[in-house]
């Protein structure tokens, strides 16, 4: 029964794997609820600051912030938001595929590209493809903190404000629902006043507001648009984390189900092997008795 012993060992191994994937599924389900609550709680702030930024852009046309101006610089920046850990299906692969296409497009156009990586997977990918990584942040944990994100992202924001690059793109995974996450690569800079205004009015038909600035319009708009861009990046990271836990839960559930199928198949093979051995022994006993 050497073959039967080997099959029993395989069954035991798959059963241990199934226990691990089941535990990871339950952990991901618990973290997913918290991540979704965190993401949804950040949305009202993002929507409000987008509304105010859009109104300010319309209300004070004599001052144009550098983030809302286009320039002729020969360069671009890409912010890649990914996960620190794997085992979350094809989530990272899908967003990195979009980033790869954009990097190839910029390379064909002769545009040098600086990259910022948020997450271990994106950092490893950018290093493998030979991209110029100017800053990165990893090991964010289960809760994104804005103070950890500001530093790396500010490198590209300052480069754009100084006229060294002409666009900044943001790639992340947008959370739709537990079963669906959408990879997104959108232009972060330059900001479009029309787009901000359209986004701000998407859920409301109220007219724009006029404001009294203190101390002056330039100071207020500079600070607000910086916070607006930071809010966009934070929201992208929060969406990505919610998508990560959802994708991991689904992937681990699928792995647990597949492990159950493999165990059933191995048990069937084991039973057939055992039955064949028993039948062979009985045949030998009967043949021996007949010979006597």
C-alpha atoms as a PDB file:
ATOM      1  CA  UNK A   1       0.000   0.000   0.000  1.00  0.00           C
ATOM      2  CA  UNK A   2       2.912   2.327  -0.761  1.00  0.00           C
ATOM      3  CA  UNK A   3       0.720   4.192  -3.288  1.00  0.00           C
ATOM      4  CA  UNK A   4      -2.085   4.454  -0.717  1.00  0.00           C
ATOM      5  CA  UNK A   5       0.290   5.926   1.862  1.00  0.00           C
ATOM      6  CA  UNK A   6       1.476   8.512  -0.643  1.00  0.00           C
ATOM      7  CA  UNK A   7      -2.100   9.490  -1.483  1.00  0.00           C
ATOM      8  CA  UNK A   8      -2.939   9.831   2.224  1.00  0.00           C
ATOM      9  CA  UNK A   9       0.011  12.181   2.584  1.00  0.00           C
ATOM     10  CA  UNK A  10      -1.257  14.311  -0.309  1.00  0.00           C
ATOM     11  CA  UNK A  11      -4.741  14.424   1.218  1.00  0.00           C
ATOM     12  CA  UNK A  12      -3.320  15.570   4.547  1.00  0.00           C
ATOM     13  CA  UNK A  13      -1.246  18.250   2.828  1.00  0.00           C
ATOM     14  CA  UNK A  14      -4.227  19.619   0.881  1.00  0.00           C
ATOM     15  CA  UNK A  15      -6.376  19.572   4.031  1.00  0.00           C
ATOM     16  CA  UNK A  16      -3.779  21.707   5.827  1.00  0.00           C
ATOM     17  CA  UNK A  17      -3.725  24.115   2.877  1.00  0.00           C
ATOM     18  CA  UNK A  18      -7.513  24.276   2.975  1.00  0.00           C
ATOM     19  CA  UNK A  19      -7.454  25.244   6.668  1.00  0.00           C
ATOM     20  CA  UNK A  20      -5.023  28.078   5.903  1.00  0.00           C
ATOM     21  CA  UNK A  21      -7.021  29.445   2.962  1.00  0.00           C
ATOM     22  CA  UNK A  22     -10.254  29.249   4.992  1.00  0.00           C
ATOM     23  CA  UNK A  23      -8.653  31.216   7.836  1.00  0.00           C
ATOM     24  CA  UNK A  24      -7.310  33.813   5.381  1.00  0.00           C
ATOM     25  CA  UNK A  25     -10.765  34.124   3.818  1.00  0.00           C
ATOM     26  CA  UNK A  26     -12.328  34.869   7.211  1.00  0.00           C
ATOM     27  CA  UNK A  27      -9.602  37.387   8.096  1.00  0.00           C
ATOM     28  CA  UNK A  28     -10.026  39.131   4.738  1.00  0.00           C
ATOM     29  CA  UNK A  29     -13.818  39.268   5.239  1.00  0.00           C
ATOM     30  CA  UNK A  30     -13.330  40.949   8.623  1.00  0.00           C
ATOM     31  CA  UNK A  31     -10.803  43.464   7.245  1.00  0.00           C
ATOM     32  CA  UNK A  32     -12.945  44.072   4.169  1.00  0.00           C
ATOM     33  CA  UNK A  33     -15.825  45.490   6.206  1.00  0.00           C
ATOM     34  CA  UNK A  34     -13.503  47.889   8.025  1.00  0.00           C
ATOM     35  CA  UNK A  35     -11.811  48.939   4.787  1.00  0.00           C
ATOM     36  CA  UNK A  36     -15.153  49.600   3.112  1.00  0.00           C
ATOM     37  CA  UNK A  37     -16.337  51.701   6.050  1.00  0.00           C
ATOM     38  CA  UNK A  38     -13.088  53.688   5.954  1.00  0.00           C
ATOM     39  CA  UNK A  39     -13.400  54.233   2.215  1.00  0.00           C
ATOM     40  CA  UNK A  40     -17.033  55.351   2.427  1.00  0.00           C
ATOM     41  CA  UNK A  41     -16.320  57.671   5.355  1.00  0.00           C
ATOM     42  CA  UNK A  42     -13.609  59.404   3.266  1.00  0.00           C
ATOM     43  CA  UNK A  43     -15.929  60.026   0.315  1.00  0.00           C
ATOM     44  CA  UNK A  44     -17.938  62.938   1.822  1.00  0.00           C
ATOM     45  CA  UNK A  45     -14.718  64.874   2.514  1.00  0.00           C
ATOM     46  CA  UNK A  46     -13.456  64.248  -1.012  1.00  0.00           C
ATOM     47  CA  UNK A  47     -16.768  65.298  -2.528  1.00  0.00           C
ATOM     48  CA  UNK A  48     -16.967  68.453  -0.425  1.00  0.00           C
ATOM     49  CA  UNK A  49     -13.433  69.597  -1.150  1.00  0.00           C
ATOM     50  CA  UNK A  50     -13.983  68.835  -4.855  1.00  0.00           C
ATOM     51  CA  UNK A  51     -17.109  71.001  -4.759  1.00  0.00           C
ATOM     52  CA  UNK A  52     -15.289  73.902  -3.091  1.00  0.00           C
ATOM     53  CA  UNK A  53     -12.274  73.593  -5.407  1.00  0.00           C
ATOM     54  CA  UNK A  54     -14.527  73.673  -8.470  1.00  0.00           C
ATOM     55  CA  UNK A  55     -16.369  76.748  -7.219  1.00  0.00           C
ATOM     56  CA  UNK A  56     -13.119  78.540  -6.357  1.00  0.00           C
ATOM     57  CA  UNK A  57     -11.748  77.792  -9.815  1.00  0.00           C
ATOM     58  CA  UNK A  58     -14.795  79.487 -11.346  1.00  0.00           C
ATOM     59  CA  UNK A  59     -15.134  82.283  -8.807  1.00  0.00           C
ATOM     60  CA  UNK A  60     -11.568  83.626  -9.037  1.00  0.00           C
ATOM     61  CA  UNK A  61     -10.435  83.383 -12.679  1.00  0.00           C
ATOM     62  CA  UNK A  62      -7.778  86.124 -12.317  1.00  0.00           C
ATOM     63  CA  UNK A  63      -5.541  83.719 -10.385  1.00  0.00           C
ATOM     64  CA  UNK A  64      -4.734  80.324 -11.865  1.00  0.00           C
ATOM     65  CA  UNK A  65      -3.003  77.806  -9.648  1.00  0.00           C
ATOM     66  CA  UNK A  66       0.009  75.936 -11.165  1.00  0.00           C
ATOM     67  CA  UNK A  67      -1.919  72.666 -10.827  1.00  0.00           C
ATOM     68  CA  UNK A  68      -4.546  74.024 -13.232  1.00  0.00           C
ATOM     69  CA  UNK A  69      -2.078  75.294 -15.820  1.00  0.00           C
ATOM     70  CA  UNK A  70      -0.619  73.216 -18.624  1.00  0.00           C
ATOM     71  CA  UNK A  71       3.058  73.486 -19.477  1.00  0.00           C
ATOM     72  CA  UNK A  72       5.367  72.374 -22.270  1.00  0.00           C
ATOM     73  CA  UNK A  73       7.756  70.351 -20.139  1.00  0.00           C
ATOM     74  CA  UNK A  74       9.119  67.165 -21.682  1.00  0.00           C
ATOM     75  CA  UNK A  75       8.311  64.713 -18.916  1.00  0.00           C
ATOM     76  CA  UNK A  76       5.523  62.959 -17.033  1.00  0.00           C
ATOM     77  CA  UNK A  77       4.883  61.328 -13.686  1.00  0.00           C
ATOM     78  CA  UNK A  78       2.997  58.165 -12.729  1.00  0.00           C
ATOM     79  CA  UNK A  79       1.725  57.249  -9.257  1.00  0.00           C
ATOM     80  CA  UNK A  80       1.115  53.496  -8.938  1.00  0.00           C
ATOM     81  CA  UNK A  81      -1.077  52.329  -6.045  1.00  0.00           C
ATOM     82  CA  UNK A  82      -0.774  48.601  -5.359  1.00  0.00           C
ATOM     83  CA  UNK A  83      -0.857  46.200  -2.429  1.00  0.00           C
ATOM     84  CA  UNK A  84       1.942  45.233  -0.063  1.00  0.00           C
ATOM     85  CA  UNK A  85       0.909  41.565  -0.056  1.00  0.00           C
ATOM     86  CA  UNK A  86      -0.212  39.123  -2.710  1.00  0.00           C
ATOM     87  CA  UNK A  87      -2.878  36.414  -2.747  1.00  0.00           C
ATOM     88  CA  UNK A  88      -5.549  38.809  -4.015  1.00  0.00           C
ATOM     89  CA  UNK A  89      -6.255  37.367  -7.442  1.00  0.00           C
ATOM     90  CA  UNK A  90      -5.489  39.416 -10.535  1.00  0.00           C
ATOM     91  CA  UNK A  91      -6.091  42.785  -8.882  1.00  0.00           C
ATOM     92  CA  UNK A  92      -2.492  44.043  -9.062  1.00  0.00           C
ATOM     93  CA  UNK A  93      -1.964  42.485 -12.488  1.00  0.00           C
ATOM     94  CA  UNK A  94      -4.910  44.395 -13.968  1.00  0.00           C
ATOM     95  CA  UNK A  95      -3.824  47.845 -12.760  1.00  0.00           C
ATOM     96  CA  UNK A  96      -0.156  47.188 -13.595  1.00  0.00           C
ATOM     97  CA  UNK A  97      -1.213  46.227 -17.118  1.00  0.00           C
ATOM     98  CA  UNK A  98      -2.734  49.713 -17.541  1.00  0.00           C
ATOM     99  CA  UNK A  99       0.417  51.312 -16.128  1.00  0.00           C
ATOM    100  CA  UNK A 100       2.563  49.259 -18.514  1.00  0.00           C
ATOM    101  CA  UNK A 101       0.530  50.463 -21.487  1.00  0.00           C
ATOM    102  CA  UNK A 102       0.862  54.102 -20.378  1.00  0.00           C
ATOM    103  CA  UNK A 103       4.618  53.770 -19.774  1.00  0.00           C
ATOM    104  CA  UNK A 104       5.050  52.206 -23.213  1.00  0.00           C
ATOM    105  CA  UNK A 105       2.983  54.986 -24.795  1.00  0.00           C
ATOM    106  CA  UNK A 106       5.088  57.671 -23.098  1.00  0.00           C
ATOM    107  CA  UNK A 107       8.294  55.874 -24.044  1.00  0.00           C
ATOM    108  CA  UNK A 108       7.269  55.693 -27.704  1.00  0.00           C
ATOM    109  CA  UNK A 109       6.523  59.435 -27.592  1.00  0.00           C
ATOM    110  CA  UNK A 110       9.988  60.083 -26.171  1.00  0.00           C
ATOM    111  CA  UNK A 111       8.654  61.386 -22.853  1.00  0.00           C
ATOM    112  CA  UNK A 112      10.843  60.566 -19.824  1.00  0.00           C
ATOM    113  CA  UNK A 113       8.750  59.318 -16.916  1.00  0.00           C
ATOM    114  CA  UNK A 114       9.208  59.531 -13.155  1.00  0.00           C
ATOM    115  CA  UNK A 115       7.306  57.049 -11.025  1.00  0.00           C
ATOM    116  CA  UNK A 116       6.080  56.933  -7.433  1.00  0.00           C
ATOM    117  CA  UNK A 117       5.219  53.531  -5.985  1.00  0.00           C
ATOM    118  CA  UNK A 118       2.677  53.055  -3.193  1.00  0.00           C
ATOM    119  CA  UNK A 119       2.844  49.407  -2.144  1.00  0.00           C
ATOM    120  CA  UNK A 120       5.421  46.620  -2.441  1.00  0.00           C
ATOM    121  CA  UNK A 121       3.934  45.024  -5.553  1.00  0.00           C
ATOM    122  CA  UNK A 122       4.017  48.238  -7.558  1.00  0.00           C
ATOM    123  CA  UNK A 123       7.565  49.014  -6.384  1.00  0.00           C
ATOM    124  CA  UNK A 124       8.795  45.597  -7.442  1.00  0.00           C
ATOM    125  CA  UNK A 125       7.065  45.922 -10.809  1.00  0.00           C
ATOM    126  CA  UNK A 126       8.527  49.368 -11.546  1.00  0.00           C
ATOM    127  CA  UNK A 127      12.007  48.158 -10.645  1.00  0.00           C
ATOM    128  CA  UNK A 128      11.634  45.131 -12.935  1.00  0.00           C
ATOM    129  CA  UNK A 129      10.563  47.202 -15.946  1.00  0.00           C
ATOM    130  CA  UNK A 130      13.374  49.689 -15.360  1.00  0.00           C
ATOM    131  CA  UNK A 131      11.207  52.720 -14.537  1.00  0.00           C
ATOM    132  CA  UNK A 132      12.792  55.672 -12.737  1.00  0.00           C
ATOM    133  CA  UNK A 133      11.336  55.476  -9.215  1.00  0.00           C
ATOM    134  CA  UNK A 134      11.820  58.851  -7.520  1.00  0.00           C
ATOM    135  CA  UNK A 135      10.061  57.906  -4.265  1.00  0.00           C
ATOM    136  CA  UNK A 136       8.022  55.129  -2.740  1.00  0.00           C
ATOM    137  CA  UNK A 137       6.116  54.135   0.382  1.00  0.00           C
ATOM    138  CA  UNK A 138       5.413  50.583   1.514  1.00  0.00           C
ATOM    139  CA  UNK A 139       4.039  48.736   4.536  1.00  0.00           C
ATOM    140  CA  UNK A 140       1.025  51.016   4.957  1.00  0.00           C
ATOM    141  CA  UNK A 141      -0.763  48.391   7.024  1.00  0.00           C
ATOM    142  CA  UNK A 142      -4.527  48.064   7.070  1.00  0.00           C
ATOM    143  CA  UNK A 143      -5.162  51.784   7.641  1.00  0.00           C
ATOM    144  CA  UNK A 144      -3.848  54.461   5.225  1.00  0.00           C
ATOM    145  CA  UNK A 145      -2.331  57.518   6.893  1.00  0.00           C
ATOM    146  CA  UNK A 146      -2.159  60.744   4.919  1.00  0.00           C
ATOM    147  CA  UNK A 147       1.115  61.815   6.571  1.00  0.00           C
ATOM    148  CA  UNK A 148       2.809  58.725   5.091  1.00  0.00           C
ATOM    149  CA  UNK A 149       1.484  59.474   1.599  1.00  0.00           C
ATOM    150  CA  UNK A 150       2.197  63.203   1.391  1.00  0.00           C
ATOM    151  CA  UNK A 151       5.999  62.938   1.245  1.00  0.00           C
ATOM    152  CA  UNK A 152       6.382  60.542  -1.707  1.00  0.00           C
ATOM    153  CA  UNK A 153       3.545  62.109  -3.708  1.00  0.00           C
ATOM    154  CA  UNK A 154       4.819  65.657  -3.067  1.00  0.00           C
ATOM    155  CA  UNK A 155       7.908  64.884  -5.148  1.00  0.00           C
ATOM    156  CA  UNK A 156       5.789  64.750  -8.308  1.00  0.00           C
ATOM    157  CA  UNK A 157       3.513  67.606  -7.218  1.00  0.00           C
ATOM    158  CA  UNK A 158       6.516  69.897  -6.710  1.00  0.00           C
ATOM    159  CA  UNK A 159       8.014  68.776 -10.024  1.00  0.00           C
ATOM    160  CA  UNK A 160       4.785  69.683 -11.820  1.00  0.00           C
ATOM    161  CA  UNK A 161       4.490  73.042 -10.047  1.00  0.00           C
ATOM    162  CA  UNK A 162       8.096  73.794 -11.037  1.00  0.00           C
ATOM    163  CA  UNK A 163       7.351  72.993 -14.690  1.00  0.00           C
ATOM    164  CA  UNK A 164       9.606  69.911 -14.880  1.00  0.00           C
ATOM    165  CA  UNK A 165       6.816  67.549 -15.958  1.00  0.00           C
ATOM    166  CA  UNK A 166       3.636  68.226 -17.915  1.00  0.00           C
ATOM    167  CA  UNK A 167       1.289  65.562 -16.491  1.00  0.00           C
ATOM    168  CA  UNK A 168       0.825  63.270 -13.511  1.00  0.00           C
ATOM    169  CA  UNK A 169      -1.190  60.051 -13.783  1.00  0.00           C
ATOM    170  CA  UNK A 170      -2.677  58.022 -10.940  1.00  0.00           C
ATOM    171  CA  UNK A 171      -3.244  54.276 -11.238  1.00  0.00           C
ATOM    172  CA  UNK A 172      -5.240  52.330  -8.659  1.00  0.00           C
ATOM    173  CA  UNK A 173      -8.100  49.848  -8.275  1.00  0.00           C
ATOM    174  CA  UNK A 174     -11.531  51.395  -7.732  1.00  0.00           C
ATOM    175  CA  UNK A 175     -13.939  49.550  -5.462  1.00  0.00           C
ATOM    176  CA  UNK A 176     -17.294  48.836  -7.112  1.00  0.00           C
ATOM    177  CA  UNK A 177     -18.650  46.068  -4.902  1.00  0.00           C
ATOM    178  CA  UNK A 178     -17.410  42.962  -3.145  1.00  0.00           C
ATOM    179  CA  UNK A 179     -17.311  40.934  -6.347  1.00  0.00           C
ATOM    180  CA  UNK A 180     -16.099  43.647  -8.725  1.00  0.00           C
ATOM    181  CA  UNK A 181     -13.095  45.956  -8.647  1.00  0.00           C
ATOM    182  CA  UNK A 182     -12.134  48.182 -11.560  1.00  0.00           C
ATOM    183  CA  UNK A 183      -8.525  49.111 -12.485  1.00  0.00           C
ATOM    184  CA  UNK A 184      -8.255  52.840 -13.192  1.00  0.00           C
ATOM    185  CA  UNK A 185      -5.523  55.042 -14.659  1.00  0.00           C
ATOM    186  CA  UNK A 186      -6.586  58.683 -14.618  1.00  0.00           C
ATOM    187  CA  UNK A 187      -4.857  62.018 -15.066  1.00  0.00           C
ATOM    188  CA  UNK A 188      -4.240  63.696 -11.729  1.00  0.00           C
ATOM    189  CA  UNK A 189      -2.508  66.847 -13.016  1.00  0.00           C
ATOM    190  CA  UNK A 190      -3.185  69.245 -14.585  1.00  0.00           C
ATOM    191  CA  UNK A 191      -6.522  69.663 -12.876  1.00  0.00           C
ATOM    192  CA  UNK A 192      -9.371  70.591 -15.164  1.00  0.00           C
ATOM    193  CA  UNK A 193     -11.745  73.214 -13.765  1.00  0.00           C
ATOM    194  CA  UNK A 194     -14.471  71.951 -16.099  1.00  0.00           C
ATOM    195  CA  UNK A 195     -14.008  68.372 -14.922  1.00  0.00           C
ATOM    196  CA  UNK A 196     -14.000  69.414 -11.259  1.00  0.00           C
ATOM    197  CA  UNK A 197     -17.125  71.461 -11.845  1.00  0.00           C
ATOM    198  CA  UNK A 198     -18.841  68.565 -13.637  1.00  0.00           C
ATOM    199  CA  UNK A 199     -17.877  66.134 -10.850  1.00  0.00           C
ATOM    200  CA  UNK A 200     -19.070  68.527  -8.184  1.00  0.00           C
ATOM    201  CA  UNK A 201     -22.440  69.018  -9.896  1.00  0.00           C
ATOM    202  CA  UNK A 202     -22.940  65.325 -10.674  1.00  0.00           C
ATOM    203  CA  UNK A 203     -24.957  64.843  -7.498  1.00  0.00           C
ATOM    204  CA  UNK A 204     -26.297  68.379  -7.083  1.00  0.00           C
ATOM    205  CA  UNK A 205     -27.773  71.105  -9.229  1.00  0.00           C
ATOM    206  CA  UNK A 206     -27.067  74.017  -6.876  1.00  0.00           C
ATOM    207  CA  UNK A 207     -25.320  77.075  -8.380  1.00  0.00           C
ATOM    208  CA  UNK A 208     -21.698  78.037  -7.627  1.00  0.00           C
ATOM    209  CA  UNK A 209     -20.841  80.094  -4.556  1.00  0.00           C
ATOM    210  CA  UNK A 210     -18.813  83.239  -4.185  1.00  0.00           C
ATOM    211  CA  UNK A 211     -16.355  83.444  -1.301  1.00  0.00           C
ATOM    212  CA  UNK A 212     -14.680  85.997   0.924  1.00  0.00           C
ATOM    213  CA  UNK A 213     -10.987  85.130   1.056  1.00  0.00           C
ATOM    214  CA  UNK A 214      -8.859  85.472   4.162  1.00  0.00           C
ATOM    215  CA  UNK A 215      -6.001  86.333   4.005  1.00  0.00           C
ATOM    216  CA  UNK A 216      -6.034  86.475   0.152  1.00  0.00           C
ATOM    217  CA  UNK A 217      -7.282  84.396  -2.796  1.00  0.00           C
ATOM    218  CA  UNK A 218      -3.854  83.074  -3.790  1.00  0.00           C
ATOM    219  CA  UNK A 219      -3.035  81.704  -0.331  1.00  0.00           C
ATOM    220  CA  UNK A 220      -6.451  80.093   0.062  1.00  0.00           C
ATOM    221  CA  UNK A 221      -6.495  78.519  -3.431  1.00  0.00           C
ATOM    222  CA  UNK A 222      -2.894  77.276  -3.135  1.00  0.00           C
ATOM    223  CA  UNK A 223      -3.652  75.522   0.131  1.00  0.00           C
ATOM    224  CA  UNK A 224      -7.026  74.183  -0.962  1.00  0.00           C
ATOM    225  CA  UNK A 225      -5.876  72.682  -4.283  1.00  0.00           C
ATOM    226  CA  UNK A 226      -2.942  71.006  -2.550  1.00  0.00           C
ATOM    227  CA  UNK A 227      -5.389  69.455  -0.075  1.00  0.00           C
ATOM    228  CA  UNK A 228      -7.650  68.532  -2.982  1.00  0.00           C
ATOM    229  CA  UNK A 229      -4.891  66.582  -4.745  1.00  0.00           C
ATOM    230  CA  UNK A 230      -3.878  64.932  -1.469  1.00  0.00           C
ATOM    231  CA  UNK A 231      -7.514  63.949  -0.903  1.00  0.00           C
ATOM    232  CA  UNK A 232      -7.637  62.354  -4.362  1.00  0.00           C
ATOM    233  CA  UNK A 233      -4.531  60.275  -3.594  1.00  0.00           C
ATOM    234  CA  UNK A 234      -5.817  59.275  -0.144  1.00  0.00           C
ATOM    235  CA  UNK A 235      -9.175  58.268  -1.597  1.00  0.00           C
ATOM    236  CA  UNK A 236      -7.390  56.186  -4.265  1.00  0.00           C
ATOM    237  CA  UNK A 237      -5.388  54.363  -1.562  1.00  0.00           C
ATOM    238  CA  UNK A 238      -8.534  53.792   0.523  1.00  0.00           C
ATOM    239  CA  UNK A 239     -10.370  52.422  -2.537  1.00  0.00           C
ATOM    240  CA  UNK A 240      -7.391  50.198  -3.332  1.00  0.00           C
ATOM    241  CA  UNK A 241      -7.314  48.768   0.211  1.00  0.00           C
ATOM    242  CA  UNK A 242     -11.032  47.996   0.145  1.00  0.00           C
ATOM    243  CA  UNK A 243     -10.566  46.329  -3.240  1.00  0.00           C
ATOM    244  CA  UNK A 244      -7.582  44.356  -1.907  1.00  0.00           C
ATOM    245  CA  UNK A 245      -9.504  42.790   0.971  1.00  0.00           C
ATOM    246  CA  UNK A 246     -12.502  42.012  -1.255  1.00  0.00           C
ATOM    247  CA  UNK A 247     -10.290  40.430  -3.917  1.00  0.00           C
ATOM    248  CA  UNK A 248      -8.371  38.443  -1.301  1.00  0.00           C
ATOM    249  CA  UNK A 249     -11.581  37.161   0.285  1.00  0.00           C
ATOM    250  CA  UNK A 250     -12.890  35.992  -3.103  1.00  0.00           C
ATOM    251  CA  UNK A 251      -9.533  34.458  -4.055  1.00  0.00           C
ATOM    252  CA  UNK A 252      -9.213  32.577  -0.759  1.00  0.00           C
ATOM    253  CA  UNK A 253     -12.804  31.330  -1.011  1.00  0.00           C
ATOM    254  CA  UNK A 254     -12.050  30.031  -4.491  1.00  0.00           C
ATOM    255  CA  UNK A 255      -8.848  28.383  -3.217  1.00  0.00           C
ATOM    256  CA  UNK A 256     -10.764  26.751  -0.347  1.00  0.00           C
ATOM    257  CA  UNK A 257     -13.390  25.402  -2.746  1.00  0.00           C
ATOM    258  CA  UNK A 258     -10.702  24.106  -5.117  1.00  0.00           C
ATOM    259  CA  UNK A 259      -8.900  22.422  -2.219  1.00  0.00           C
ATOM    260  CA  UNK A 260     -12.157  20.663  -1.304  1.00  0.00           C
ATOM    261  CA  UNK A 261     -12.487  19.405  -4.890  1.00  0.00           C
ATOM    262  CA  UNK A 262      -8.896  18.146  -4.913  1.00  0.00           C
ATOM    263  CA  UNK A 263      -9.453  16.333  -1.595  1.00  0.00           C
ATOM    264  CA  UNK A 264     -12.584  14.647  -2.971  1.00  0.00           C
ATOM    265  CA  UNK A 265     -10.689  13.506  -6.077  1.00  0.00           C
ATOM    266  CA  UNK A 266      -7.747  12.214  -4.029  1.00  0.00           C
ATOM    267  CA  UNK A 267     -10.074  10.305  -1.696  1.00  0.00           C
ATOM    268  CA  UNK A 268     -11.735   8.699  -4.707  1.00  0.00           C
ATOM    269  CA  UNK A 269      -8.349   7.628  -6.082  1.00  0.00           C
ATOM    270  CA  UNK A 270      -7.326   6.364  -2.629  1.00  0.00           C
ATOM    271  CA  UNK A 271     -10.506   4.320  -2.267  1.00  0.00           C
ATOM    272  CA  UNK A 272     -10.049   2.832  -5.731  1.00  0.00           C
ATOM    273  CA  UNK A 273      -6.441   1.937  -4.962  1.00  0.00           C
ATOM    274  CA  UNK A 274      -7.411   0.408  -1.627  1.00  0.00           C
ATOM    275  CA  UNK A 275     -10.252  -1.567  -3.206  1.00  0.00           C
ATOM    276  CA  UNK A 276      -7.934  -2.832  -5.932  1.00  0.00           C
ATOM    277  CA  UNK A 277      -5.422  -4.009  -3.295  1.00  0.00           C
ATOM    278  CA  UNK A 278      -8.156  -5.799  -1.324  1.00  0.00           C
ATOM    279  CA  UNK A 279      -9.478  -7.455  -4.492  1.00  0.00           C
ATOM    280  CA  UNK A 280      -5.970  -8.607  -5.402  1.00  0.00           C
ATOM    281  CA  UNK A 281      -5.430 -10.129  -1.948  1.00  0.00           C
ATOM    282  CA  UNK A 282      -8.769 -11.945  -2.100  1.00  0.00           C
ATOM    283  CA  UNK A 283      -7.929 -13.277  -5.551  1.00  0.00           C
ATOM    284  CA  UNK A 284      -4.601 -14.611  -4.267  1.00  0.00           C
ATOM    285  CA  UNK A 285      -6.294 -16.263  -1.264  1.00  0.00           C
ATOM    286  CA  UNK A 286      -8.942 -17.884  -3.485  1.00  0.00           C
ATOM    287  CA  UNK A 287      -6.286 -19.051  -5.986  1.00  0.00           C
ATOM    288  CA  UNK A 288      -4.187 -20.495  -3.184  1.00  0.00           C
ATOM    289  CA  UNK A 289      -7.167 -22.322  -1.663  1.00  0.00           C
ATOM    290  CA  UNK A 290      -8.098 -23.738  -5.064  1.00  0.00           C
ATOM    291  CA  UNK A 291      -4.556 -24.982  -5.617  1.00  0.00           C
ATOM    292  CA  UNK A 292      -4.601 -26.854  -2.275  1.00  0.00           C
END
